[in-house]
């Protein structure tokens, strides 16, 4: 089992640097991180929907296809 929150934490550290004009964010991760990464991309970085794709492939503690989600 991994640890949730590492990807959003890394993105917040990256936010201290200037974002290039052609930045595209792609992430496939756990559901809680998916929501946080999507929020960072949209709200904090101001990326439009065509400049990011964040997908939840599983939910911690949920088995089967009910554990996935997409934006």
PDB file of N, CA and C in Angstrom:
ATOM      1  N   UNK A   1       0.841  -1.188   0.000  1.00  0.00           N
ATOM      2  CA  UNK A   1       0.000   0.000   0.000  1.00  0.00           C
ATOM      3  C   UNK A   1       0.876   1.237   0.000  1.00  0.00           C
ATOM      4  N   UNK A   2       0.509   2.173  -0.845  1.00  0.00           N
ATOM      5  CA  UNK A   2       1.257   3.423  -0.935  1.00  0.00           C
ATOM      6  C   UNK A   2       0.737   4.456   0.045  1.00  0.00           C
ATOM      7  N   UNK A   3       1.234   5.646  -0.124  1.00  0.00           N
ATOM      8  CA  UNK A   3       0.841   6.744   0.752  1.00  0.00           C
ATOM      9  C   UNK A   3       0.153   7.823  -0.076  1.00  0.00           C
ATOM     10  N   UNK A   4      -1.039   8.195   0.277  1.00  0.00           N
ATOM     11  CA  UNK A   4      -1.774   9.235  -0.443  1.00  0.00           C
ATOM     12  C   UNK A   4      -1.172  10.601  -0.142  1.00  0.00           C
ATOM     13  N   UNK A   5      -1.349  11.520  -1.076  1.00  0.00           N
ATOM     14  CA  UNK A   5      -0.938  12.896  -0.852  1.00  0.00           C
ATOM     15  C   UNK A   5       0.421  13.277  -1.397  1.00  0.00           C
ATOM     16  N   UNK A   6       1.206  12.313  -1.874  1.00  0.00           N
ATOM     17  CA  UNK A   6       2.545  12.643  -2.366  1.00  0.00           C
ATOM     18  C   UNK A   6       2.505  13.441  -3.673  1.00  0.00           C
ATOM     19  N   UNK A   7       1.617  13.073  -4.597  1.00  0.00           N
ATOM     20  CA  UNK A   7       1.537  13.810  -5.865  1.00  0.00           C
ATOM     21  C   UNK A   7       1.073  15.253  -5.666  1.00  0.00           C
ATOM     22  N   UNK A   8      -0.022  15.498  -4.933  1.00  0.00           N
ATOM     23  CA  UNK A   8      -0.407  16.892  -4.703  1.00  0.00           C
ATOM     24  C   UNK A   8       0.686  17.700  -4.006  1.00  0.00           C
ATOM     25  N   UNK A   9       1.375  17.078  -3.069  1.00  0.00           N
ATOM     26  CA  UNK A   9       2.465  17.765  -2.369  1.00  0.00           C
ATOM     27  C   UNK A   9       3.572  18.160  -3.351  1.00  0.00           C
ATOM     28  N   UNK A  10       3.924  17.258  -4.257  1.00  0.00           N
ATOM     29  CA  UNK A  10       4.962  17.554  -5.251  1.00  0.00           C
ATOM     30  C   UNK A  10       4.517  18.679  -6.186  1.00  0.00           C
ATOM     31  N   UNK A  11       3.242  18.696  -6.565  1.00  0.00           N
ATOM     32  CA  UNK A  11       2.745  19.764  -7.435  1.00  0.00           C
ATOM     33  C   UNK A  11       2.779  21.112  -6.728  1.00  0.00           C
ATOM     34  N   UNK A  12       2.463  21.121  -5.458  1.00  0.00           N
ATOM     35  CA  UNK A  12       2.520  22.385  -4.710  1.00  0.00           C
ATOM     36  C   UNK A  12       3.952  22.901  -4.629  1.00  0.00           C
ATOM     37  N   UNK A  13       4.912  22.014  -4.460  1.00  0.00           N
ATOM     38  CA  UNK A  13       6.317  22.430  -4.449  1.00  0.00           C
ATOM     39  C   UNK A  13       6.719  22.950  -5.822  1.00  0.00           C
ATOM     40  N   UNK A  14       6.211  22.338  -6.875  1.00  0.00           N
ATOM     41  CA  UNK A  14       6.497  22.754  -8.252  1.00  0.00           C
ATOM     42  C   UNK A  14       5.885  24.125  -8.537  1.00  0.00           C
ATOM     43  N   UNK A  15       4.816  24.462  -7.846  1.00  0.00           N
ATOM     44  CA  UNK A  15       4.102  25.716  -8.091  1.00  0.00           C
ATOM     45  C   UNK A  15       4.958  26.937  -7.799  1.00  0.00           C
ATOM     46  N   UNK A  16       6.021  26.756  -7.058  1.00  0.00           N
ATOM     47  CA  UNK A  16       6.909  27.889  -6.771  1.00  0.00           C
ATOM     48  C   UNK A  16       7.672  28.334  -8.014  1.00  0.00           C
ATOM     49  N   UNK A  17       7.756  27.457  -9.008  1.00  0.00           N
ATOM     50  CA  UNK A  17       8.457  27.765 -10.259  1.00  0.00           C
ATOM     51  C   UNK A  17       7.460  28.321 -11.264  1.00  0.00           C
ATOM     52  N   UNK A  18       7.924  29.133 -12.225  1.00  0.00           N
ATOM     53  CA  UNK A  18       7.002  29.629 -13.247  1.00  0.00           C
ATOM     54  C   UNK A  18       6.505  28.482 -14.134  1.00  0.00           C
ATOM     55  N   UNK A  19       5.230  28.526 -14.519  1.00  0.00           N
ATOM     56  CA  UNK A  19       4.656  27.502 -15.392  1.00  0.00           C
ATOM     57  C   UNK A  19       4.912  27.873 -16.846  1.00  0.00           C
ATOM     58  N   UNK A  20       5.399  26.929 -17.652  1.00  0.00           N
ATOM     59  CA  UNK A  20       5.572  27.215 -19.074  1.00  0.00           C
ATOM     60  C   UNK A  20       4.210  27.387 -19.753  1.00  0.00           C
ATOM     61  N   UNK A  21       4.182  28.133 -20.835  1.00  0.00           N
ATOM     62  CA  UNK A  21       2.931  28.396 -21.545  1.00  0.00           C
ATOM     63  C   UNK A  21       2.297  27.134 -22.120  1.00  0.00           C
ATOM     64  N   UNK A  22       3.109  26.124 -22.405  1.00  0.00           N
ATOM     65  CA  UNK A  22       2.584  24.899 -23.005  1.00  0.00           C
ATOM     66  C   UNK A  22       2.438  23.760 -21.991  1.00  0.00           C
ATOM     67  N   UNK A  23       2.348  24.084 -20.703  1.00  0.00           N
ATOM     68  CA  UNK A  23       2.224  23.066 -19.662  1.00  0.00           C
ATOM     69  C   UNK A  23       0.963  22.240 -19.867  1.00  0.00           C
ATOM     70  N   UNK A  24       1.108  20.914 -19.797  1.00  0.00           N
ATOM     71  CA  UNK A  24      -0.020  19.982 -19.825  1.00  0.00           C
ATOM     72  C   UNK A  24       0.161  19.033 -18.652  1.00  0.00           C
ATOM     73  N   UNK A  25      -0.882  18.834 -17.875  1.00  0.00           N
ATOM     74  CA  UNK A  25      -0.821  17.947 -16.714  1.00  0.00           C
ATOM     75  C   UNK A  25      -1.611  16.679 -17.027  1.00  0.00           C
ATOM     76  N   UNK A  26      -0.958  15.529 -16.865  1.00  0.00           N
ATOM     77  CA  UNK A  26      -1.628  14.234 -16.964  1.00  0.00           C
ATOM     78  C   UNK A  26      -1.301  13.463 -15.705  1.00  0.00           C
ATOM     79  N   UNK A  27      -2.321  12.907 -15.068  1.00  0.00           N
ATOM     80  CA  UNK A  27      -2.094  12.099 -13.867  1.00  0.00           C
ATOM     81  C   UNK A  27      -3.137  11.003 -13.792  1.00  0.00           C
ATOM     82  N   UNK A  28      -2.704   9.820 -13.415  1.00  0.00           N
ATOM     83  CA  UNK A  28      -3.574   8.696 -13.110  1.00  0.00           C
ATOM     84  C   UNK A  28      -3.231   8.248 -11.697  1.00  0.00           C
ATOM     85  N   UNK A  29      -4.184   8.294 -10.788  1.00  0.00           N
ATOM     86  CA  UNK A  29      -3.840   8.120  -9.377  1.00  0.00           C
ATOM     87  C   UNK A  29      -5.053   7.696  -8.552  1.00  0.00           C
ATOM     88  N   UNK A  30      -4.872   7.645  -7.239  1.00  0.00           N
ATOM     89  CA  UNK A  30      -5.928   7.333  -6.280  1.00  0.00           C
ATOM     90  C   UNK A  30      -6.944   8.482  -6.234  1.00  0.00           C
ATOM     91  N   UNK A  31      -8.200   8.173  -5.911  1.00  0.00           N
ATOM     92  CA  UNK A  31      -9.291   9.141  -6.010  1.00  0.00           C
ATOM     93  C   UNK A  31      -9.064  10.427  -5.219  1.00  0.00           C
ATOM     94  N   UNK A  32      -8.610  10.331  -3.982  1.00  0.00           N
ATOM     95  CA  UNK A  32      -8.400  11.542  -3.176  1.00  0.00           C
ATOM     96  C   UNK A  32      -7.342  12.436  -3.815  1.00  0.00           C
ATOM     97  N   UNK A  33      -6.271  11.835  -4.328  1.00  0.00           N
ATOM     98  CA  UNK A  33      -5.238  12.618  -5.008  1.00  0.00           C
ATOM     99  C   UNK A  33      -5.769  13.190  -6.318  1.00  0.00           C
ATOM    100  N   UNK A  34      -6.591  12.423  -7.034  1.00  0.00           N
ATOM    101  CA  UNK A  34      -7.208  12.893  -8.282  1.00  0.00           C
ATOM    102  C   UNK A  34      -7.951  14.205  -8.048  1.00  0.00           C
ATOM    103  N   UNK A  35      -8.776  14.236  -7.026  1.00  0.00           N
ATOM    104  CA  UNK A  35      -9.552  15.449  -6.752  1.00  0.00           C
ATOM    105  C   UNK A  35      -8.644  16.631  -6.419  1.00  0.00           C
ATOM    106  N   UNK A  36      -7.622  16.382  -5.627  1.00  0.00           N
ATOM    107  CA  UNK A  36      -6.720  17.457  -5.211  1.00  0.00           C
ATOM    108  C   UNK A  36      -5.865  17.945  -6.381  1.00  0.00           C
ATOM    109  N   UNK A  37      -5.360  17.037  -7.198  1.00  0.00           N
ATOM    110  CA  UNK A  37      -4.538  17.420  -8.352  1.00  0.00           C
ATOM    111  C   UNK A  37      -5.369  18.208  -9.351  1.00  0.00           C
ATOM    112  N   UNK A  38      -6.592  17.762  -9.605  1.00  0.00           N
ATOM    113  CA  UNK A  38      -7.468  18.499 -10.522  1.00  0.00           C
ATOM    114  C   UNK A  38      -7.735  19.904  -9.986  1.00  0.00           C
ATOM    115  N   UNK A  39      -7.959  20.020  -8.678  1.00  0.00           N
ATOM    116  CA  UNK A  39      -8.196  21.340  -8.079  1.00  0.00           C
ATOM    117  C   UNK A  39      -6.966  22.234  -8.218  1.00  0.00           C
ATOM    118  N   UNK A  40      -5.790  21.681  -7.999  1.00  0.00           N
ATOM    119  CA  UNK A  40      -4.555  22.453  -8.145  1.00  0.00           C
ATOM    120  C   UNK A  40      -4.415  22.943  -9.579  1.00  0.00           C
ATOM    121  N   UNK A  41      -4.601  22.047 -10.543  1.00  0.00           N
ATOM    122  CA  UNK A  41      -4.453  22.420 -11.955  1.00  0.00           C
ATOM    123  C   UNK A  41      -5.444  23.508 -12.350  1.00  0.00           C
ATOM    124  N   UNK A  42      -6.686  23.365 -11.924  1.00  0.00           N
ATOM    125  CA  UNK A  42      -7.721  24.322 -12.330  1.00  0.00           C
ATOM    126  C   UNK A  42      -7.701  25.610 -11.520  1.00  0.00           C
ATOM    127  N   UNK A  43      -7.700  25.484 -10.210  1.00  0.00           N
ATOM    128  CA  UNK A  43      -7.872  26.658  -9.349  1.00  0.00           C
ATOM    129  C   UNK A  43      -6.568  27.394  -9.068  1.00  0.00           C
ATOM    130  N   UNK A  44      -5.531  26.651  -8.690  1.00  0.00           N
ATOM    131  CA  UNK A  44      -4.281  27.308  -8.312  1.00  0.00           C
ATOM    132  C   UNK A  44      -3.458  27.713  -9.532  1.00  0.00           C
ATOM    133  N   UNK A  45      -3.431  26.849 -10.551  1.00  0.00           N
ATOM    134  CA  UNK A  45      -2.614  27.146 -11.726  1.00  0.00           C
ATOM    135  C   UNK A  45      -3.427  27.783 -12.848  1.00  0.00           C
ATOM    136  N   UNK A  46      -4.758  27.730 -12.771  1.00  0.00           N
ATOM    137  CA  UNK A  46      -5.610  28.343 -13.777  1.00  0.00           C
ATOM    138  C   UNK A  46      -5.580  27.663 -15.134  1.00  0.00           C
ATOM    139  N   UNK A  47      -5.280  26.367 -15.170  1.00  0.00           N
ATOM    140  CA  UNK A  47      -5.231  25.662 -16.452  1.00  0.00           C
ATOM    141  C   UNK A  47      -6.644  25.377 -16.952  1.00  0.00           C
ATOM    142  N   UNK A  48      -6.908  25.637 -18.238  1.00  0.00           N
ATOM    143  CA  UNK A  48      -8.213  25.267 -18.790  1.00  0.00           C
ATOM    144  C   UNK A  48      -8.311  23.746 -18.925  1.00  0.00           C
ATOM    145  N   UNK A  49      -9.517  23.245 -19.105  1.00  0.00           N
ATOM    146  CA  UNK A  49      -9.747  21.796 -19.169  1.00  0.00           C
ATOM    147  C   UNK A  49      -8.960  21.110 -20.278  1.00  0.00           C
ATOM    148  N   UNK A  50      -8.680  21.814 -21.363  1.00  0.00           N
ATOM    149  CA  UNK A  50      -7.940  21.173 -22.460  1.00  0.00           C
ATOM    150  C   UNK A  50      -6.433  21.103 -22.197  1.00  0.00           C
ATOM    151  N   UNK A  51      -5.988  21.532 -21.029  1.00  0.00           N
ATOM    152  CA  UNK A  51      -4.560  21.492 -20.694  1.00  0.00           C
ATOM    153  C   UNK A  51      -4.263  20.547 -19.535  1.00  0.00           C
ATOM    154  N   UNK A  52      -5.249  19.716 -19.168  1.00  0.00           N
ATOM    155  CA  UNK A  52      -4.987  18.709 -18.137  1.00  0.00           C
ATOM    156  C   UNK A  52      -5.968  17.552 -18.265  1.00  0.00           C
ATOM    157  N   UNK A  53      -5.484  16.377 -17.892  1.00  0.00           N
ATOM    158  CA  UNK A  53      -6.314  15.179 -17.792  1.00  0.00           C
ATOM    159  C   UNK A  53      -5.885  14.459 -16.528  1.00  0.00           C
ATOM    160  N   UNK A  54      -6.774  14.402 -15.579  1.00  0.00           N
ATOM    161  CA  UNK A  54      -6.488  13.749 -14.301  1.00  0.00           C
ATOM    162  C   UNK A  54      -7.540  12.662 -14.118  1.00  0.00           C
ATOM    163  N   UNK A  55      -7.086  11.441 -13.907  1.00  0.00           N
ATOM    164  CA  UNK A  55      -7.969  10.287 -13.831  1.00  0.00           C
ATOM    165  C   UNK A  55      -7.713   9.505 -12.552  1.00  0.00           C
ATOM    166  N   UNK A  56      -8.783   9.112 -11.878  1.00  0.00           N
ATOM    167  CA  UNK A  56      -8.662   8.248 -10.699  1.00  0.00           C
ATOM    168  C   UNK A  56      -8.798   6.803 -11.159  1.00  0.00           C
ATOM    169  N   UNK A  57      -7.785   6.008 -10.898  1.00  0.00           N
ATOM    170  CA  UNK A  57      -7.823   4.603 -11.278  1.00  0.00           C
ATOM    171  C   UNK A  57      -8.305   3.711 -10.147  1.00  0.00           C
ATOM    172  N   UNK A  58      -8.294   4.202  -8.924  1.00  0.00           N
ATOM    173  CA  UNK A  58      -8.763   3.403  -7.793  1.00  0.00           C
ATOM    174  C   UNK A  58      -9.101   4.310  -6.626  1.00  0.00           C
ATOM    175  N   UNK A  59      -9.850   3.756  -5.682  1.00  0.00           N
ATOM    176  CA  UNK A  59     -10.127   4.418  -4.402  1.00  0.00           C
ATOM    177  C   UNK A  59      -9.546   3.546  -3.312  1.00  0.00           C
ATOM    178  N   UNK A  60      -8.820   4.160  -2.434  1.00  0.00           N
ATOM    179  CA  UNK A  60      -8.239   3.419  -1.316  1.00  0.00           C
ATOM    180  C   UNK A  60      -9.364   2.754  -0.524  1.00  0.00           C
ATOM    181  N   UNK A  61      -9.247   1.442  -0.329  1.00  0.00           N
ATOM    182  CA  UNK A  61     -10.225   0.702   0.450  1.00  0.00           C
ATOM    183  C   UNK A  61     -11.434   0.207  -0.324  1.00  0.00           C
ATOM    184  N   UNK A  62     -11.523   0.485  -1.641  1.00  0.00           N
ATOM    185  CA  UNK A  62     -12.655   0.042  -2.456  1.00  0.00           C
ATOM    186  C   UNK A  62     -12.136  -0.931  -3.506  1.00  0.00           C
ATOM    187  N   UNK A  63     -12.813  -2.068  -3.654  1.00  0.00           N
ATOM    188  CA  UNK A  63     -12.402  -3.060  -4.637  1.00  0.00           C
ATOM    189  C   UNK A  63     -13.336  -3.038  -5.835  1.00  0.00           C
ATOM    190  N   UNK A  64     -12.825  -3.452  -6.999  1.00  0.00           N
ATOM    191  CA  UNK A  64     -13.642  -3.575  -8.196  1.00  0.00           C
ATOM    192  C   UNK A  64     -13.749  -2.280  -8.969  1.00  0.00           C
ATOM    193  N   UNK A  65     -14.641  -2.288  -9.964  1.00  0.00           N
ATOM    194  CA  UNK A  65     -14.775  -1.147 -10.866  1.00  0.00           C
ATOM    195  C   UNK A  65     -15.397   0.071 -10.205  1.00  0.00           C
ATOM    196  N   UNK A  66     -16.055  -0.086  -9.075  1.00  0.00           N
ATOM    197  CA  UNK A  66     -16.649   1.061  -8.381  1.00  0.00           C
ATOM    198  C   UNK A  66     -15.595   1.989  -7.794  1.00  0.00           C
ATOM    199  N   UNK A  67     -14.353   1.565  -7.801  1.00  0.00           N
ATOM    200  CA  UNK A  67     -13.296   2.370  -7.225  1.00  0.00           C
ATOM    201  C   UNK A  67     -12.682   3.376  -8.165  1.00  0.00           C
ATOM    202  N   UNK A  68     -13.108   3.428  -9.429  1.00  0.00           N
ATOM    203  CA  UNK A  68     -12.490   4.323 -10.414  1.00  0.00           C
ATOM    204  C   UNK A  68     -13.352   5.556 -10.648  1.00  0.00           C
ATOM    205  N   UNK A  69     -12.737   6.596 -11.206  1.00  0.00           N
ATOM    206  CA  UNK A  69     -13.443   7.822 -11.560  1.00  0.00           C
ATOM    207  C   UNK A  69     -12.647   8.613 -12.566  1.00  0.00           C
ATOM    208  N   UNK A  70     -13.276   9.560 -13.246  1.00  0.00           N
ATOM    209  CA  UNK A  70     -12.588  10.398 -14.218  1.00  0.00           C
ATOM    210  C   UNK A  70     -13.247  11.755 -14.215  1.00  0.00           C
ATOM    211  N   UNK A  71     -12.491  12.788 -14.632  1.00  0.00           N
ATOM    212  CA  UNK A  71     -13.046  14.134 -14.590  1.00  0.00           C
ATOM    213  C   UNK A  71     -14.136  14.372 -15.563  1.00  0.00           C
TER     214      UNK A  71
END
